[in-house]
């Protein structure tokens, strides 16, 4: 009687898995195709469910209920760990889609820096790892937490300068005083932002040199952003004219030259100022605006 009952239960699970696995695969495939046509980013999450979670879950159920492998065996625990890894990966993907990829412009979600998102992802991965170790492998989290605490203190003391740069980078990126492509003046250097990473900001200077400034350093400097809030900014040039040239005529020539020069904006209008009457020339200053 028990043998017949076991065989009946085994056949029920076998038939259910044989039917449900292709059915779920087809349903998820159609859903992914339609969501991709609509341009929905959640299609990537469903793709992870279809290609990772469903096959591993079906394999786990097959081993437990059809092959009747003991639940406390190393093989079952390994597959359960793999399933948890797939679930955590898909959950992080779903969280990223819901919170950030579908965020509307000018909302706090669209302004969260990538660095902070990566750090949050790392914290969630560590939390998920702790849950897997506790539930699947019955690990002692208290002892593990103590060991990690001591290790964190040692690592923190060894990497305090790097961690200081990372902390300053989080503050800078969350405030977003500049972004990739902006032209900055940091201290005595002028350059275009080409990269913002965990530790530093990379600028390409006017001499086509790459300048690496750690976040800890740039956080203590006065930053001049030539690209925000407006891309236009003023430039000034000083020129000397002979006393034989009437000042009004010199100003008209300088204004016309500035307007006729490619790249100089006509609005706001260029302005010419008389700075000084030197021994050999009258010094004028031309103020004009450019877009880049």
Protein backbone atom coordinates (compact mmCIF):
# COMPACT_ATOMS: atom_id res chain seq x y z
CA UNK A 1 0.00 0.00 0.00
CA UNK A 2 2.77 2.42 0.94
CA UNK A 3 4.72 1.50 -2.17
CA UNK A 4 1.69 2.13 -4.38
CA UNK A 5 1.05 5.45 -2.62
CA UNK A 6 4.68 6.47 -3.08
CA UNK A 7 4.60 5.49 -6.74
CA UNK A 8 1.33 7.40 -7.22
CA UNK A 9 2.77 10.54 -5.62
CA UNK A 10 5.93 10.21 -7.69
CA UNK A 11 3.98 9.89 -10.94
CA UNK A 12 1.80 12.90 -10.02
CA UNK A 13 4.87 15.05 -9.47
CA UNK A 14 6.54 13.75 -12.62
CA UNK A 15 3.49 14.46 -14.81
CA UNK A 16 2.97 17.88 -13.18
CA UNK A 17 6.57 18.90 -13.83
CA UNK A 18 6.50 17.62 -17.40
CA UNK A 19 3.36 19.68 -18.12
CA UNK A 20 4.03 22.82 -16.05
CA UNK A 21 7.63 23.44 -17.11
CA UNK A 22 6.93 23.83 -20.87
CA UNK A 23 3.70 25.71 -20.09
CA UNK A 24 5.47 28.25 -17.85
CA UNK A 25 8.26 28.60 -20.41
CA UNK A 26 5.78 29.39 -23.21
CA UNK A 27 3.76 31.84 -21.08
CA UNK A 28 6.86 33.71 -19.92
CA UNK A 29 8.27 33.74 -23.46
CA UNK A 30 5.11 35.35 -24.86
CA UNK A 31 5.03 37.88 -22.02
CA UNK A 32 8.68 38.81 -22.58
CA UNK A 33 8.08 39.24 -26.33
CA UNK A 34 5.10 41.58 -25.80
CA UNK A 35 6.87 43.62 -23.12
CA UNK A 36 9.91 44.05 -25.38
CA UNK A 37 7.69 45.32 -28.18
CA UNK A 38 6.29 47.93 -25.77
CA UNK A 39 9.78 48.89 -24.63
CA UNK A 40 9.19 47.81 -21.02
CA UNK A 41 12.44 47.21 -19.05
CA UNK A 42 10.71 44.63 -16.83
CA UNK A 43 11.11 42.19 -19.74
CA UNK A 44 14.74 41.67 -18.66
CA UNK A 45 13.56 40.54 -15.20
CA UNK A 46 11.06 38.08 -16.66
CA UNK A 47 13.83 36.77 -18.88
CA UNK A 48 15.86 35.95 -15.76
CA UNK A 49 12.84 34.16 -14.30
CA UNK A 50 12.36 32.13 -17.49
CA UNK A 51 15.99 31.16 -18.03
CA UNK A 52 17.22 30.82 -14.44
CA UNK A 53 14.60 30.51 -11.71
CA UNK A 54 12.10 28.21 -13.43
CA UNK A 55 14.63 25.58 -14.65
CA UNK A 56 16.45 25.45 -11.29
CA UNK A 57 13.15 25.24 -9.37
CA UNK A 58 11.86 22.43 -11.59
CA UNK A 59 15.17 20.56 -11.22
CA UNK A 60 14.99 20.93 -7.42
CA UNK A 61 11.40 19.65 -7.29
CA UNK A 62 12.34 16.77 -9.58
CA UNK A 63 15.17 15.66 -7.30
CA UNK A 64 13.09 16.00 -4.13
CA UNK A 65 9.75 14.51 -5.21
CA UNK A 66 10.60 12.23 -8.14
CA UNK A 67 14.10 10.99 -7.34
CA UNK A 68 13.35 11.23 -3.58
CA UNK A 69 16.79 12.56 -2.68
CA UNK A 70 17.13 13.47 0.99
CA UNK A 71 16.49 17.16 1.71
CA UNK A 72 19.47 17.43 4.04
CA UNK A 73 21.91 16.11 1.45
CA UNK A 74 24.73 18.24 0.08
CA UNK A 75 23.39 17.99 -3.50
CA UNK A 76 19.96 19.34 -2.55
CA UNK A 77 21.50 22.15 -0.50
CA UNK A 78 23.75 23.09 -3.42
CA UNK A 79 20.75 23.31 -5.77
CA UNK A 80 18.80 25.29 -3.15
CA UNK A 81 21.72 27.71 -2.89
CA UNK A 82 21.76 28.07 -6.68
CA UNK A 83 18.01 28.76 -6.60
CA UNK A 84 18.50 31.46 -3.95
CA UNK A 85 21.25 33.06 -6.04
CA UNK A 86 18.91 33.19 -9.05
CA UNK A 87 16.07 34.62 -6.93
CA UNK A 88 18.32 37.33 -5.46
CA UNK A 89 19.61 38.22 -8.93
CA UNK A 90 16.07 38.52 -10.32
CA UNK A 91 14.88 40.47 -7.25
CA UNK A 92 17.68 43.01 -7.65
CA UNK A 93 16.83 43.34 -11.33
CA UNK A 94 13.15 43.91 -10.49
CA UNK A 95 14.05 46.46 -7.82
CA UNK A 96 16.28 48.34 -10.24
CA UNK A 97 13.53 48.38 -12.89
CA UNK A 98 10.76 49.53 -10.53
CA UNK A 99 12.77 52.17 -8.67
CA UNK A 100 15.18 53.59 -11.23
CA UNK A 101 14.78 52.49 -14.86
CA UNK A 102 11.11 53.55 -14.97
CA UNK A 103 11.68 56.67 -12.88
CA UNK A 104 10.23 59.88 -14.28
CA UNK A 105 12.51 62.82 -15.02
CA UNK A 106 13.14 65.39 -12.26
CA UNK A 107 12.26 62.92 -9.49
CA UNK A 108 14.54 61.79 -6.66
CA UNK A 109 14.74 58.31 -8.21
CA UNK A 110 16.18 59.67 -11.46
CA UNK A 111 18.81 61.66 -9.55
CA UNK A 112 20.18 58.82 -7.42
CA UNK A 113 23.84 58.35 -8.47
CA UNK A 114 24.99 55.01 -9.87
CA UNK A 115 27.61 54.73 -7.13
CA UNK A 116 24.95 54.73 -4.42
CA UNK A 117 22.90 52.18 -6.37
CA UNK A 118 25.93 49.88 -6.62
CA UNK A 119 26.61 50.18 -2.88
CA UNK A 120 22.96 49.42 -2.08
CA UNK A 121 23.10 46.40 -4.40
CA UNK A 122 26.22 45.17 -2.56
CA UNK A 123 24.48 45.50 0.83
CA UNK A 124 21.45 43.56 -0.43
CA UNK A 125 23.69 40.83 -1.87
CA UNK A 126 25.47 40.47 1.48
CA UNK A 127 22.10 40.32 3.27
CA UNK A 128 20.86 37.66 0.83
CA UNK A 129 24.07 35.68 1.33
CA UNK A 130 23.52 35.72 5.09
CA UNK A 131 19.94 34.47 4.63
CA UNK A 132 21.11 31.62 2.38
CA UNK A 133 23.82 30.57 4.85
CA UNK A 134 21.35 30.61 7.74
CA UNK A 135 18.39 28.87 6.06
CA UNK A 136 20.11 26.39 3.74
CA UNK A 137 23.43 25.59 5.42
CA UNK A 138 22.39 26.33 9.04
CA UNK A 139 25.41 28.59 9.53
CA UNK A 140 26.09 30.36 12.83
CA UNK A 141 25.51 34.00 11.87
CA UNK A 142 26.52 35.29 15.31
CA UNK A 143 30.06 33.94 14.96
CA UNK A 144 30.19 35.07 11.34
CA UNK A 145 29.05 38.58 12.30
CA UNK A 146 31.75 38.75 14.99
CA UNK A 147 34.44 37.69 12.53
CA UNK A 148 33.19 40.17 9.94
CA UNK A 149 33.11 42.93 12.54
CA UNK A 150 36.74 42.42 13.48
CA UNK A 151 37.75 42.13 9.82
CA UNK A 152 35.82 45.31 8.96
CA UNK A 153 37.74 47.28 11.62
CA UNK A 154 41.09 46.07 10.28
CA UNK A 155 40.12 46.75 6.66
CA UNK A 156 38.66 50.15 7.59
CA UNK A 157 41.91 51.24 9.27
CA UNK A 158 43.97 50.01 6.31
CA UNK A 159 41.78 51.67 3.69
CA UNK A 160 40.70 54.81 5.51
CA UNK A 161 41.96 57.14 2.73
CA UNK A 162 40.17 55.11 0.05
CA UNK A 163 36.99 54.90 2.15
CA UNK A 164 37.20 58.65 2.73
CA UNK A 165 37.28 59.19 -1.04
CA UNK A 166 34.32 56.81 -1.50
CA UNK A 167 32.31 58.65 1.18
CA UNK A 168 33.11 62.02 -0.39
CA UNK A 169 32.20 60.56 -3.77
CA UNK A 170 28.79 59.47 -2.51
CA UNK A 171 28.11 62.98 -1.19
CA UNK A 172 29.27 64.60 -4.44
CA UNK A 173 27.34 62.23 -6.69
CA UNK A 174 24.16 62.47 -4.63
CA UNK A 175 24.31 66.27 -4.78
CA UNK A 176 25.32 66.07 -8.48
CA UNK A 177 27.14 69.41 -8.85
CA UNK A 178 28.46 68.10 -12.17
CA UNK A 179 28.07 65.18 -14.56
CA UNK A 180 30.00 63.49 -17.35
CA UNK A 181 30.56 65.95 -20.20
CA UNK A 182 30.62 69.10 -18.03
CA UNK A 183 33.55 71.50 -18.14
CA UNK A 184 34.97 72.25 -14.69
CA UNK A 185 37.62 74.38 -13.09
CA UNK A 186 39.01 72.63 -10.01
CA UNK A 187 41.77 74.61 -8.32
CA UNK A 188 44.10 75.73 -11.10
CA UNK A 189 42.97 73.05 -13.57
CA UNK A 190 40.30 73.25 -16.29
CA UNK A 191 38.97 70.14 -17.97
CA UNK A 192 35.98 68.14 -19.18
CA UNK A 193 34.59 65.36 -17.00
CA UNK A 194 35.08 62.05 -18.84
CA UNK A 195 34.46 59.60 -15.99
CA UNK A 196 33.17 59.47 -12.40
CA UNK A 197 34.00 56.26 -10.54
CA UNK A 198 34.14 54.99 -6.95
CA UNK A 199 37.37 56.76 -6.03
CA UNK A 200 38.01 59.71 -8.31
CA UNK A 201 36.87 62.05 -11.08
CA UNK A 202 38.74 62.01 -14.39
CA UNK A 203 39.11 65.25 -16.34
CA UNK A 204 40.50 65.77 -19.84
CA UNK A 205 42.34 69.08 -19.84
CA UNK A 206 42.67 71.58 -22.66
CA UNK A 207 46.11 70.09 -23.34
CA UNK A 208 44.41 66.66 -23.94
CA UNK A 209 45.88 65.27 -20.74
CA UNK A 210 43.91 63.11 -18.32
CA UNK A 211 43.73 64.47 -14.79
CA UNK A 212 42.66 62.12 -11.96
CA UNK A 213 41.31 63.94 -8.88
CA UNK A 214 40.29 61.84 -5.84
CA UNK A 215 36.84 62.57 -4.41
CA UNK A 216 38.42 63.47 -1.08
CA UNK A 217 40.46 66.21 -2.78
CA UNK A 218 37.74 67.52 -5.08
CA UNK A 219 35.31 67.63 -2.15
CA UNK A 220 37.53 70.25 -0.44
CA UNK A 221 38.00 72.43 -3.53
CA UNK A 222 35.88 75.24 -4.96
CA UNK A 223 34.40 73.85 -8.19
CA UNK A 224 33.47 76.11 -11.08
CA UNK A 225 31.06 74.41 -13.49
CA UNK A 226 31.02 76.04 -16.92
CA UNK A 227 28.20 73.78 -18.16
CA UNK A 228 25.54 74.16 -15.44
CA UNK A 229 22.98 75.55 -14.91
CA UNK A 230 23.51 77.07 -18.40
CA UNK A 231 26.00 75.90 -21.01
CA UNK A 232 26.74 79.45 -22.13
CA UNK A 233 29.45 81.32 -20.26
CA UNK A 234 31.49 84.46 -20.70
CA UNK A 235 35.06 84.82 -21.89
CA UNK A 236 37.20 87.98 -21.68
CA UNK A 237 40.05 89.12 -23.92
CA UNK A 238 42.25 92.19 -23.43
CA UNK A 239 43.55 94.11 -26.46
CA UNK A 240 45.60 97.26 -26.91
CA UNK A 241 44.89 99.95 -29.55
CA UNK A 242 46.96 102.95 -30.55
CA UNK A 243 46.04 106.42 -29.34
CA UNK A 244 45.64 107.29 -33.04
CA UNK A 245 42.50 105.11 -33.15
CA UNK A 246 39.42 106.89 -31.75
CA UNK A 247 37.98 104.90 -28.78
CA UNK A 248 34.47 104.79 -30.24
CA UNK A 249 35.79 103.42 -33.55
CA UNK A 250 37.95 100.85 -31.72
CA UNK A 251 34.94 99.66 -29.71
CA UNK A 252 32.80 99.39 -32.87
CA UNK A 253 35.50 97.35 -34.63
CA UNK A 254 35.93 95.02 -31.64
CA UNK A 255 32.14 94.52 -31.29
CA UNK A 256 31.70 93.80 -35.02
CA UNK A 257 34.65 91.42 -35.00
CA UNK A 258 33.28 89.53 -32.01
CA UNK A 259 29.81 89.20 -33.57
CA UNK A 260 31.31 88.01 -36.86
CA UNK A 261 33.49 85.37 -35.22
CA UNK A 262 32.16 81.80 -35.47
CA UNK A 263 31.18 80.38 -32.10
CA UNK A 264 30.53 83.71 -30.38
CA UNK A 265 26.87 84.34 -29.55
CA UNK A 266 25.08 87.45 -30.70
CA UNK A 267 22.77 87.19 -27.69
CA UNK A 268 23.84 88.25 -25.13
CA UNK A 269 25.64 90.94 -27.13
CA UNK A 270 29.42 91.22 -26.84
CA UNK A 271 30.54 94.13 -24.71
CA UNK A 272 33.70 96.27 -24.92
CA UNK A 273 35.14 98.14 -21.94
CA UNK A 274 37.97 100.64 -21.67
CA UNK A 275 40.34 99.36 -19.00
CA UNK A 276 43.35 101.66 -18.96
CA UNK A 277 45.22 104.40 -20.78
CA UNK A 278 48.74 103.02 -20.79
CA UNK A 279 51.88 104.72 -22.05
CA UNK A 280 51.82 103.22 -25.53
CA UNK A 281 48.21 102.02 -26.02
CA UNK A 282 44.65 102.12 -24.79
CA UNK A 283 43.71 98.74 -23.29
CA UNK A 284 40.22 97.42 -24.03
CA UNK A 285 38.48 94.33 -22.71
CA UNK A 286 36.03 92.34 -24.87
CA UNK A 287 33.45 90.27 -23.01
CA UNK A 288 31.60 87.71 -25.14
CA UNK A 289 29.57 84.55 -24.60
CA UNK A 290 30.07 81.05 -26.04
CA UNK A 291 27.98 77.87 -25.80
CA UNK A 292 30.78 75.39 -25.18
